[in-house]
Amino acid sequence: MTTWFLFRAVHVLSGTFWIGAAALVTLFVVPSVRAAGPAGGAVMKHLTTAVRLPFWVNTAALLATLSGLPLFWHVTGGLDAAYFGSWIGQAFTVGALSGVAAFLFGALVQSPRAARLGRLAASLQGPPSPEQLGEMTRLQEQLRLEIGRA
């Protein structure tokens, strides 16, 4: 078994988990939690604290990105310009840039907002105050808009 096989296996498995989890949460979990109203908060709290879904999704994103970079270097022959003239070189480049952009967007934009929302929800000892409710609503709206734009 070669090192490149291990890089590829980590890249494919973690990338599959990352995109699958993101799609599942975006398309099914979040709309269901919203539809459940206040009871949905308990589900999200369990997913974020007991199951630690954000940790696992972020770990998969990091592994997919970090394993993809040396693979890209290897496949492109050390960024050989001739490779980028081929259709496969262009396709891999678009995929690599999209993956890195998605990772950076998640790490720099979505994760801090989601973490703030999670900390705020975990700190509640009963119904939220008007200020807390306003901030939670603002963060949820920002997350929803960003997901819709991505």
Protein backbone atom coordinates (compact mmCIF):
# COMPACT_ATOMS: atom_id res chain seq x y z
CA MET A 1 0.00 0.00 0.00
CA THR A 2 1.49 3.32 -1.03
CA THR A 3 1.38 6.68 0.68
CA TRP A 4 -0.64 8.06 -2.24
CA PHE A 5 -3.25 5.36 -1.74
CA LEU A 6 -3.59 6.40 1.92
CA PHE A 7 -3.89 10.07 0.98
CA ARG A 8 -6.55 9.17 -1.60
CA ALA A 9 -8.48 6.95 0.84
CA VAL A 10 -8.50 9.64 3.53
CA HIS A 11 -9.48 12.27 0.96
CA VAL A 12 -12.36 10.27 -0.51
CA LEU A 13 -13.75 8.95 2.78
CA SER A 14 -13.54 12.24 4.69
CA GLY A 15 -14.79 14.24 1.71
CA THR A 16 -17.75 11.91 1.30
CA PHE A 17 -18.64 12.25 4.98
CA TRP A 18 -18.19 16.04 4.86
CA ILE A 19 -20.44 16.66 1.86
CA GLY A 20 -22.97 14.04 2.96
CA ALA A 21 -23.27 15.51 6.45
CA ALA A 22 -23.54 19.04 5.08
CA ALA A 23 -26.29 18.00 2.66
CA LEU A 24 -28.19 16.03 5.30
CA VAL A 25 -28.11 18.87 7.81
CA THR A 26 -28.95 21.57 5.25
CA LEU A 27 -31.71 19.74 3.41
CA PHE A 28 -33.36 17.70 6.17
CA VAL A 29 -32.22 18.37 9.76
CA VAL A 30 -32.44 22.18 9.82
CA PRO A 31 -35.88 22.36 8.14
CA SER A 32 -37.17 19.64 10.48
CA VAL A 33 -35.79 21.39 13.56
CA ARG A 34 -37.41 24.66 12.45
CA ALA A 35 -40.73 22.89 11.85
CA ALA A 36 -40.57 21.32 15.33
CA GLY A 37 -40.42 24.75 16.96
CA PRO A 38 -39.08 24.84 20.53
CA ALA A 39 -38.71 21.05 20.62
CA GLY A 40 -36.23 21.30 17.76
CA GLY A 41 -33.80 23.07 20.06
CA ALA A 42 -33.40 19.89 22.10
CA VAL A 43 -32.51 17.94 18.97
CA MET A 44 -29.92 20.50 17.92
CA LYS A 45 -28.50 20.60 21.43
CA HIS A 46 -28.11 16.81 21.39
CA LEU A 47 -26.49 16.87 17.94
CA THR A 48 -24.03 19.56 18.94
CA THR A 49 -23.17 18.50 22.50
CA ALA A 50 -23.76 14.76 22.95
CA VAL A 51 -23.05 13.58 19.39
CA ARG A 52 -20.63 16.46 18.63
CA LEU A 53 -21.67 16.64 14.99
CA PRO A 54 -19.88 19.97 14.31
CA PHE A 55 -16.60 18.49 15.56
CA TRP A 56 -16.88 15.45 13.28
CA VAL A 57 -17.93 17.47 10.23
CA ASN A 58 -15.13 20.00 10.77
CA THR A 59 -12.60 17.19 11.29
CA ALA A 60 -13.72 15.54 8.05
CA ALA A 61 -13.45 18.88 6.22
CA LEU A 62 -9.93 19.42 7.56
CA LEU A 63 -8.84 15.87 6.65
CA ALA A 64 -10.32 16.16 3.15
CA THR A 65 -8.56 19.46 2.57
CA LEU A 66 -5.21 18.49 4.05
CA SER A 67 -5.10 15.17 2.21
CA GLY A 68 -6.25 16.81 -1.03
CA LEU A 69 -3.42 19.34 -1.20
CA PRO A 70 -0.55 16.83 -1.57
CA LEU A 71 -2.71 14.77 -3.93
CA PHE A 72 -3.22 17.82 -6.12
CA TRP A 73 0.51 18.52 -6.09
CA HIS A 74 1.25 14.90 -7.02
CA VAL A 75 -1.38 14.62 -9.76
CA THR A 76 -0.36 17.92 -11.37
CA GLY A 77 3.31 16.92 -11.46
CA GLY A 78 4.26 19.69 -9.06
CA LEU A 79 1.92 22.21 -10.70
CA ASP A 80 3.24 21.58 -14.21
CA ALA A 81 1.68 24.19 -16.51
CA ALA A 82 1.08 21.65 -19.29
CA TYR A 83 -1.23 19.66 -17.01
CA PHE A 84 -3.54 22.63 -16.54
CA GLY A 85 -4.11 22.83 -20.29
CA SER A 86 -5.85 19.45 -20.29
CA TRP A 87 -9.55 19.05 -19.54
CA ILE A 88 -8.79 16.77 -16.57
CA GLY A 89 -6.30 19.31 -15.22
CA GLN A 90 -8.89 22.04 -15.46
CA ALA A 91 -11.55 19.86 -13.85
CA PHE A 92 -9.27 18.92 -10.94
CA THR A 93 -8.30 22.57 -10.51
CA VAL A 94 -11.94 23.68 -10.32
CA GLY A 95 -12.62 20.88 -7.82
CA ALA A 96 -9.57 21.74 -5.72
CA LEU A 97 -10.36 25.45 -5.64
CA SER A 98 -14.00 24.73 -4.79
CA GLY A 99 -13.00 22.40 -1.96
CA VAL A 100 -10.52 24.85 -0.47
CA ALA A 101 -13.05 27.69 -0.77
CA ALA A 102 -15.73 25.58 0.93
CA PHE A 103 -13.33 24.68 3.73
CA LEU A 104 -12.31 28.30 4.28
CA PHE A 105 -15.93 29.49 4.16
CA GLY A 106 -16.92 26.89 6.73
CA ALA A 107 -13.94 27.53 8.99
CA LEU A 108 -13.92 31.32 8.84
CA VAL A 109 -17.60 32.22 8.43
CA GLN A 110 -20.00 29.42 9.35
CA SER A 111 -18.22 27.75 12.28
CA PRO A 112 -17.79 30.90 14.39
CA ARG A 113 -21.45 31.83 13.90
CA ALA A 114 -22.68 28.32 14.65
CA ALA A 115 -20.42 28.08 17.70
CA ARG A 116 -21.74 31.41 19.03
CA LEU A 117 -25.31 30.24 18.49
CA GLY A 118 -24.56 26.96 20.27
CA ARG A 119 -22.94 28.70 23.26
CA LEU A 120 -25.87 31.09 23.50
CA ALA A 121 -28.42 28.25 23.38
CA ALA A 122 -26.47 26.22 25.95
CA SER A 123 -26.35 29.16 28.35
CA LEU A 124 -30.13 29.53 28.48
CA GLN A 125 -31.79 28.75 31.79
CA GLY A 126 -35.37 28.99 30.60
CA PRO A 127 -36.89 31.19 27.90
CA PRO A 128 -34.42 33.55 26.24
CA SER A 129 -34.44 37.24 27.06
CA PRO A 130 -35.42 39.62 24.25
CA GLU A 131 -31.72 40.40 23.67
CA GLN A 132 -30.79 36.70 23.56
CA LEU A 133 -33.71 35.92 21.27
CA GLY A 134 -32.71 38.78 18.97
CA GLU A 135 -29.12 37.58 18.75
CA MET A 136 -30.17 33.96 18.21
CA THR A 137 -32.57 35.02 15.45
CA ARG A 138 -29.87 37.16 13.81
CA LEU A 139 -27.32 34.32 13.88
CA GLN A 140 -29.85 31.79 12.56
CA GLU A 141 -30.77 34.14 9.73
CA GLN A 142 -27.11 34.74 8.85
CA LEU A 143 -26.45 30.99 8.80
CA ARG A 144 -29.57 30.36 6.71
CA LEU A 145 -28.68 33.08 4.20
CA GLU A 146 -25.09 31.93 3.89
CA ILE A 147 -26.18 28.32 3.33
CA GLY A 148 -28.66 29.47 0.70
CA ARG A 149 -25.95 31.45 -1.09
CA ALA A 150 -23.35 28.66 -1.02
